[in-house]
Amino acid sequence: MRCPRCQGRMFAEKYYDFVRSFDAWKCSCCGDVVDSTILQNRARSSSSFLG
């Protein structure tokens, strides 16, 4: 998978919250983290700007 920010290589990583754990992708170059919730929020915010 390629990073949407810098086109670097991303790898799967498990993150832990106080309540749950979740899997996400982390870029090895810039450190950007992407999971399903982040992608949904980005899609929702970009569609709200379109009107």
PDB file of N, CA and C in Angstrom:
ATOM      1  N   MET A   1       0.854  -1.178   0.000  1.00  0.00           N
ATOM      2  CA  MET A   1       0.000   0.000   0.000  1.00  0.00           C
ATOM      3  C   MET A   1       0.892   1.230   0.000  1.00  0.00           C
ATOM      4  N   ARG A   2       0.477   2.242  -0.724  1.00  0.00           N
ATOM      5  CA  ARG A   2       1.214   3.510  -0.801  1.00  0.00           C
ATOM      6  C   ARG A   2       0.545   4.580   0.061  1.00  0.00           C
ATOM      7  N   CYS A   3       1.342   5.419   0.662  1.00  0.00           N
ATOM      8  CA  CYS A   3       0.858   6.502   1.512  1.00  0.00           C
ATOM      9  C   CYS A   3       0.173   7.562   0.652  1.00  0.00           C
ATOM     10  N   PRO A   4      -1.028   7.999   1.041  1.00  0.00           N
ATOM     11  CA  PRO A   4      -1.702   9.047   0.282  1.00  0.00           C
ATOM     12  C   PRO A   4      -1.007  10.409   0.403  1.00  0.00           C
ATOM     13  N   ARG A   5      -0.197  10.590   1.434  1.00  0.00           N
ATOM     14  CA  ARG A   5       0.481  11.865   1.642  1.00  0.00           C
ATOM     15  C   ARG A   5       1.793  11.964   0.868  1.00  0.00           C
ATOM     16  N   CYS A   6       2.671  10.936   1.004  1.00  0.00           N
ATOM     17  CA  CYS A   6       4.017  11.038   0.429  1.00  0.00           C
ATOM     18  C   CYS A   6       4.362   9.923  -0.557  1.00  0.00           C
ATOM     19  N   GLN A   7       3.432   8.999  -0.781  1.00  0.00           N
ATOM     20  CA  GLN A   7       3.628   7.843  -1.668  1.00  0.00           C
ATOM     21  C   GLN A   7       4.666   6.858  -1.146  1.00  0.00           C
ATOM     22  N   GLY A   8       4.981   6.923   0.148  1.00  0.00           N
ATOM     23  CA  GLY A   8       5.916   5.983   0.763  1.00  0.00           C
ATOM     24  C   GLY A   8       5.238   4.653   1.052  1.00  0.00           C
ATOM     25  N   ARG A   9       5.994   3.696   1.524  1.00  0.00           N
ATOM     26  CA  ARG A   9       5.472   2.362   1.837  1.00  0.00           C
ATOM     27  C   ARG A   9       4.773   2.376   3.194  1.00  0.00           C
ATOM     28  N   MET A  10       3.607   1.752   3.252  1.00  0.00           N
ATOM     29  CA  MET A  10       2.850   1.658   4.500  1.00  0.00           C
ATOM     30  C   MET A  10       2.854   0.215   4.988  1.00  0.00           C
ATOM     31  N   PHE A  11       2.769   0.059   6.296  1.00  0.00           N
ATOM     32  CA  PHE A  11       2.717  -1.270   6.885  1.00  0.00           C
ATOM     33  C   PHE A  11       1.603  -1.324   7.923  1.00  0.00           C
ATOM     34  N   ALA A  12       1.061  -2.528   8.123  1.00  0.00           N
ATOM     35  CA  ALA A  12      -0.029  -2.719   9.086  1.00  0.00           C
ATOM     36  C   ALA A  12       0.532  -2.686  10.503  1.00  0.00           C
ATOM     37  N   GLU A  13      -0.229  -2.049  11.382  1.00  0.00           N
ATOM     38  CA  GLU A  13       0.180  -1.955  12.773  1.00  0.00           C
ATOM     39  C   GLU A  13      -1.061  -2.005  13.649  1.00  0.00           C
ATOM     40  N   LYS A  14      -0.951  -2.598  14.824  1.00  0.00           N
ATOM     41  CA  LYS A  14      -2.068  -2.678  15.760  1.00  0.00           C
ATOM     42  C   LYS A  14      -1.908  -1.572  16.801  1.00  0.00           C
ATOM     43  N   TYR A  15      -3.006  -0.832  17.036  1.00  0.00           N
ATOM     44  CA  TYR A  15      -3.019   0.248  18.011  1.00  0.00           C
ATOM     45  C   TYR A  15      -3.979  -0.110  19.136  1.00  0.00           C
ATOM     46  N   TYR A  16      -3.699   0.385  20.328  1.00  0.00           N
ATOM     47  CA  TYR A  16      -4.517   0.082  21.495  1.00  0.00           C
ATOM     48  C   TYR A  16      -5.050   1.369  22.092  1.00  0.00           C
ATOM     49  N   ASP A  17      -6.352   1.364  22.336  1.00  0.00           N
ATOM     50  CA  ASP A  17      -7.055   2.458  22.980  1.00  0.00           C
ATOM     51  C   ASP A  17      -7.311   2.028  24.427  1.00  0.00           C
ATOM     52  N   PHE A  18      -7.944   2.858  25.214  1.00  0.00           N
ATOM     53  CA  PHE A  18      -8.296   2.454  26.567  1.00  0.00           C
ATOM     54  C   PHE A  18      -9.362   1.363  26.563  1.00  0.00           C
ATOM     55  N   VAL A  19     -10.182   1.335  25.528  1.00  0.00           N
ATOM     56  CA  VAL A  19     -11.313   0.427  25.483  1.00  0.00           C
ATOM     57  C   VAL A  19     -11.120  -0.711  24.483  1.00  0.00           C
ATOM     58  N   ARG A  20     -10.449  -0.449  23.368  1.00  0.00           N
ATOM     59  CA  ARG A  20     -10.377  -1.438  22.299  1.00  0.00           C
ATOM     60  C   ARG A  20      -9.028  -1.380  21.601  1.00  0.00           C
ATOM     61  N   SER A  21      -8.834  -2.304  20.681  1.00  0.00           N
ATOM     62  CA  SER A  21      -7.665  -2.270  19.816  1.00  0.00           C
ATOM     63  C   SER A  21      -8.145  -2.224  18.371  1.00  0.00           C
ATOM     64  N   PHE A  22      -7.316  -1.672  17.487  1.00  0.00           N
ATOM     65  CA  PHE A  22      -7.691  -1.572  16.085  1.00  0.00           C
ATOM     66  C   PHE A  22      -6.449  -1.627  15.214  1.00  0.00           C
ATOM     67  N   ASP A  23      -6.660  -2.068  13.975  1.00  0.00           N
ATOM     68  CA  ASP A  23      -5.578  -2.148  13.001  1.00  0.00           C
ATOM     69  C   ASP A  23      -5.600  -0.916  12.117  1.00  0.00           C
ATOM     70  N   ALA A  24      -4.427  -0.448  11.757  1.00  0.00           N
ATOM     71  CA  ALA A  24      -4.307   0.712  10.879  1.00  0.00           C
ATOM     72  C   ALA A  24      -3.047   0.554  10.037  1.00  0.00           C
ATOM     73  N   TRP A  25      -2.927   1.414   9.045  1.00  0.00           N
ATOM     74  CA  TRP A  25      -1.732   1.456   8.198  1.00  0.00           C
ATOM     75  C   TRP A  25      -0.900   2.659   8.602  1.00  0.00           C
ATOM     76  N   LYS A  26       0.418   2.457   8.738  1.00  0.00           N
ATOM     77  CA  LYS A  26       1.332   3.541   9.107  1.00  0.00           C
ATOM     78  C   LYS A  26       2.417   3.658   8.051  1.00  0.00           C
ATOM     79  N   CYS A  27       2.704   4.875   7.629  1.00  0.00           N
ATOM     80  CA  CYS A  27       3.728   5.124   6.623  1.00  0.00           C
ATOM     81  C   CYS A  27       5.108   5.065   7.266  1.00  0.00           C
ATOM     82  N   SER A  28       6.022   4.362   6.617  1.00  0.00           N
ATOM     83  CA  SER A  28       7.372   4.248   7.144  1.00  0.00           C
ATOM     84  C   SER A  28       8.201   5.506   6.863  1.00  0.00           C
ATOM     85  N   CYS A  29       7.729   6.374   5.966  1.00  0.00           N
ATOM     86  CA  CYS A  29       8.478   7.600   5.637  1.00  0.00           C
ATOM     87  C   CYS A  29       8.019   8.801   6.465  1.00  0.00           C
ATOM     88  N   CYS A  30       6.713   9.127   6.381  1.00  0.00           N
ATOM     89  CA  CYS A  30       6.230  10.347   7.030  1.00  0.00           C
ATOM     90  C   CYS A  30       5.466  10.094   8.324  1.00  0.00           C
ATOM     91  N   GLY A  31       5.108   8.833   8.613  1.00  0.00           N
ATOM     92  CA  GLY A  31       4.420   8.510   9.855  1.00  0.00           C
ATOM     93  C   GLY A  31       2.916   8.687   9.822  1.00  0.00           C
ATOM     94  N   ASP A  32       2.346   8.972   8.669  1.00  0.00           N
ATOM     95  CA  ASP A  32       0.898   9.129   8.547  1.00  0.00           C
ATOM     96  C   ASP A  32       0.206   7.819   8.913  1.00  0.00           C
ATOM     97  N   VAL A  33      -0.883   7.902   9.687  1.00  0.00           N
ATOM     98  CA  VAL A  33      -1.646   6.732  10.103  1.00  0.00           C
ATOM     99  C   VAL A  33      -3.024   6.804   9.474  1.00  0.00           C
ATOM    100  N   VAL A  34      -3.467   5.694   8.859  1.00  0.00           N
ATOM    101  CA  VAL A  34      -4.757   5.647   8.190  1.00  0.00           C
ATOM    102  C   VAL A  34      -5.481   4.380   8.627  1.00  0.00           C
ATOM    103  N   ASP A  35      -6.738   4.551   9.060  1.00  0.00           N
ATOM    104  CA  ASP A  35      -7.598   3.411   9.346  1.00  0.00           C
ATOM    105  C   ASP A  35      -8.971   3.685   8.741  1.00  0.00           C
ATOM    106  N   SER A  36      -9.907   2.788   8.925  1.00  0.00           N
ATOM    107  CA  SER A  36     -11.214   2.943   8.286  1.00  0.00           C
ATOM    108  C   SER A  36     -11.965   4.174   8.788  1.00  0.00           C
ATOM    109  N   THR A  37     -11.853   4.495  10.067  1.00  0.00           N
ATOM    110  CA  THR A  37     -12.522   5.675  10.613  1.00  0.00           C
ATOM    111  C   THR A  37     -11.939   6.954  10.031  1.00  0.00           C
ATOM    112  N   ILE A  38     -10.635   7.033   9.910  1.00  0.00           N
ATOM    113  CA  ILE A  38      -9.991   8.213   9.328  1.00  0.00           C
ATOM    114  C   ILE A  38     -10.425   8.391   7.885  1.00  0.00           C
ATOM    115  N   LEU A  39     -10.469   7.305   7.119  1.00  0.00           N
ATOM    116  CA  LEU A  39     -10.884   7.392   5.719  1.00  0.00           C
ATOM    117  C   LEU A  39     -12.334   7.847   5.593  1.00  0.00           C
ATOM    118  N   GLN A  40     -13.226   7.354   6.461  1.00  0.00           N
ATOM    119  CA  GLN A  40     -14.625   7.775   6.437  1.00  0.00           C
ATOM    120  C   GLN A  40     -14.752   9.261   6.767  1.00  0.00           C
ATOM    121  N   ASN A  41     -14.024   9.728   7.772  1.00  0.00           N
ATOM    122  CA  ASN A  41     -14.080  11.142   8.146  1.00  0.00           C
ATOM    123  C   ASN A  41     -13.522  12.040   7.046  1.00  0.00           C
ATOM    124  N   ARG A  42     -12.454  11.609   6.391  1.00  0.00           N
ATOM    125  CA  ARG A  42     -11.899  12.403   5.291  1.00  0.00           C
ATOM    126  C   ARG A  42     -12.872  12.486   4.123  1.00  0.00           C
ATOM    127  N   ALA A  43     -13.535  11.378   3.812  1.00  0.00           N
ATOM    128  CA  ALA A  43     -14.512  11.368   2.716  1.00  0.00           C
ATOM    129  C   ALA A  43     -15.700  12.245   3.063  1.00  0.00           C
ATOM    130  N   ARG A  44     -16.156  12.191   4.302  1.00  0.00           N
ATOM    131  CA  ARG A  44     -17.298  13.000   4.724  1.00  0.00           C
ATOM    132  C   ARG A  44     -16.959  14.486   4.699  1.00  0.00           C
ATOM    133  N   SER A  45     -15.767  14.861   5.171  1.00  0.00           N
ATOM    134  CA  SER A  45     -15.403  16.275   5.214  1.00  0.00           C
ATOM    135  C   SER A  45     -15.140  16.822   3.808  1.00  0.00           C
ATOM    136  N   SER A  46     -14.589  16.025   2.913  1.00  0.00           N
ATOM    137  CA  SER A  46     -14.343  16.516   1.555  1.00  0.00           C
ATOM    138  C   SER A  46     -15.648  16.652   0.778  1.00  0.00           C
ATOM    139  N   SER A  47     -16.641  15.800   1.038  1.00  0.00           N
ATOM    140  CA  SER A  47     -17.922  15.912   0.336  1.00  0.00           C
ATOM    141  C   SER A  47     -18.737  17.080   0.883  1.00  0.00           C
ATOM    142  N   SER A  48     -18.542  17.471   2.128  1.00  0.00           N
ATOM    143  CA  SER A  48     -19.279  18.607   2.673  1.00  0.00           C
ATOM    144  C   SER A  48     -18.777  19.919   2.089  1.00  0.00           C
ATOM    145  N   PHE A  49     -17.527  19.982   1.657  1.00  0.00           N
ATOM    146  CA  PHE A  49     -16.997  21.190   1.034  1.00  0.00           C
ATOM    147  C   PHE A  49     -17.552  21.385  -0.378  1.00  0.00           C
ATOM    148  N   LEU A  50     -17.979  20.291  -1.018  1.00  0.00           N
ATOM    149  CA  LEU A  50     -18.496  20.391  -2.374  1.00  0.00           C
ATOM    150  C   LEU A  50     -19.895  20.988  -2.408  1.00  0.00           C
ATOM    151  N   GLY A  51     -20.592  20.968  -1.299  1.00  0.00           N
ATOM    152  CA  GLY A  51     -21.899  21.590  -1.226  1.00  0.00           C
ATOM    153  C   GLY A  51     -22.933  20.582  -1.251  1.00  0.00           C
TER     154      GLY A  51
END
